[in-house]
Amino acid sequence: MSDLSTQFEAAVAESKNLSTRPDNATLLKLYALYKQASKGDNTETKPGFSDMVGRVKWDAWNGLKGTAINDAMQQYLDLFETLS
């Protein structure tokens, strides 16, 4: 496992223990970066209109399409650093 991957996994684990809850926009960005870093480009079917939260999350992840996994990991780390 690379150093970046190790740092990323540690940040993901630490993100569950933040002293204050980030705002929804920041949480959405963290979610999208996590999905891009851990799974790559979004290939899932977009949720239906009745699943508004799912659609927003899908759109956020899909907006990162084409972002390299290592770039997404670094962006996650950079954003997480501003929160801790």
Protein backbone atom coordinates (compact mmCIF):
# COMPACT_ATOMS: atom_id res chain seq x y z
CA MET A 1 0.00 0.00 0.00
CA SER A 2 1.43 3.38 -0.98
CA ASP A 3 2.04 6.19 1.47
CA LEU A 4 -0.83 8.17 -0.08
CA SER A 5 -3.20 5.22 0.36
CA THR A 6 -2.11 4.82 3.98
CA GLN A 7 -2.69 8.52 4.69
CA PHE A 8 -6.05 8.38 2.92
CA GLU A 9 -7.25 5.37 4.93
CA ALA A 10 -6.12 7.04 8.16
CA ALA A 11 -7.98 10.25 7.26
CA VAL A 12 -11.14 8.29 6.42
CA ALA A 13 -10.97 6.59 9.82
CA GLU A 14 -10.31 9.89 11.61
CA SER A 15 -13.14 11.64 9.75
CA LYS A 16 -15.63 9.72 11.88
CA ASN A 17 -14.20 11.36 15.01
CA LEU A 18 -14.20 15.05 14.08
CA SER A 19 -14.97 17.32 17.02
CA THR A 20 -17.47 19.36 14.99
CA ARG A 21 -19.71 18.19 12.19
CA PRO A 22 -18.84 19.81 8.83
CA ASP A 23 -21.58 21.56 6.87
CA ASN A 24 -23.57 19.55 4.32
CA ALA A 25 -21.63 20.89 1.31
CA THR A 26 -18.34 19.79 2.86
CA LEU A 27 -19.75 16.40 3.80
CA LEU A 28 -20.97 15.96 0.22
CA LYS A 29 -17.53 16.85 -1.15
CA LEU A 30 -15.87 14.38 1.24
CA TYR A 31 -18.35 11.70 0.16
CA ALA A 32 -17.74 12.30 -3.54
CA LEU A 33 -13.95 12.33 -3.13
CA TYR A 34 -14.10 9.17 -1.03
CA LYS A 35 -16.17 7.35 -3.65
CA GLN A 36 -13.90 8.53 -6.49
CA ALA A 37 -10.76 7.56 -4.55
CA SER A 38 -12.07 4.16 -3.50
CA LYS A 39 -14.13 3.07 -6.52
CA GLY A 40 -13.09 5.30 -9.43
CA ASP A 41 -15.58 6.76 -11.90
CA ASN A 42 -19.26 6.46 -11.10
CA THR A 43 -20.85 3.63 -13.10
CA GLU A 44 -23.97 3.26 -10.95
CA THR A 45 -27.45 4.05 -12.24
CA LYS A 46 -28.73 7.47 -11.20
CA PRO A 47 -31.36 7.15 -8.44
CA GLY A 48 -34.96 8.06 -9.24
CA PHE A 49 -36.69 11.34 -8.41
CA SER A 50 -38.07 9.98 -5.15
CA ASP A 51 -34.53 9.50 -3.78
CA MET A 52 -33.40 13.12 -3.55
CA VAL A 53 -30.44 12.45 -1.23
CA GLY A 54 -29.24 9.62 -3.44
CA ARG A 55 -29.48 11.83 -6.52
CA VAL A 56 -27.46 14.63 -4.91
CA LYS A 57 -24.78 12.18 -3.79
CA TRP A 58 -24.74 10.53 -7.24
CA ASP A 59 -24.38 13.93 -8.94
CA ALA A 60 -21.52 14.93 -6.63
CA TRP A 61 -19.62 11.70 -7.32
CA ASN A 62 -20.40 11.81 -11.04
CA GLY A 63 -19.03 15.37 -11.15
CA LEU A 64 -15.60 13.94 -10.38
CA LYS A 65 -15.66 11.59 -13.39
CA GLY A 66 -12.22 11.43 -14.93
CA THR A 67 -10.41 12.40 -11.73
CA ALA A 68 -7.53 10.01 -11.09
CA ILE A 69 -7.80 7.93 -7.93
CA ASN A 70 -4.57 9.37 -6.51
CA ASP A 71 -5.76 12.91 -7.25
CA ALA A 72 -9.05 12.21 -5.46
CA MET A 73 -7.16 10.80 -2.47
CA GLN A 74 -4.98 13.90 -2.29
CA GLN A 75 -7.98 16.22 -2.59
CA TYR A 76 -9.70 14.30 0.21
CA LEU A 77 -6.59 14.64 2.39
CA ASP A 78 -6.32 18.36 1.62
CA LEU A 79 -9.97 18.96 2.51
CA PHE A 80 -9.79 16.79 5.63
CA GLU A 81 -6.74 18.73 6.81
CA THR A 82 -8.79 21.94 6.82
CA LEU A 83 -11.35 20.27 9.12
CA SER A 84 -9.03 18.89 11.77
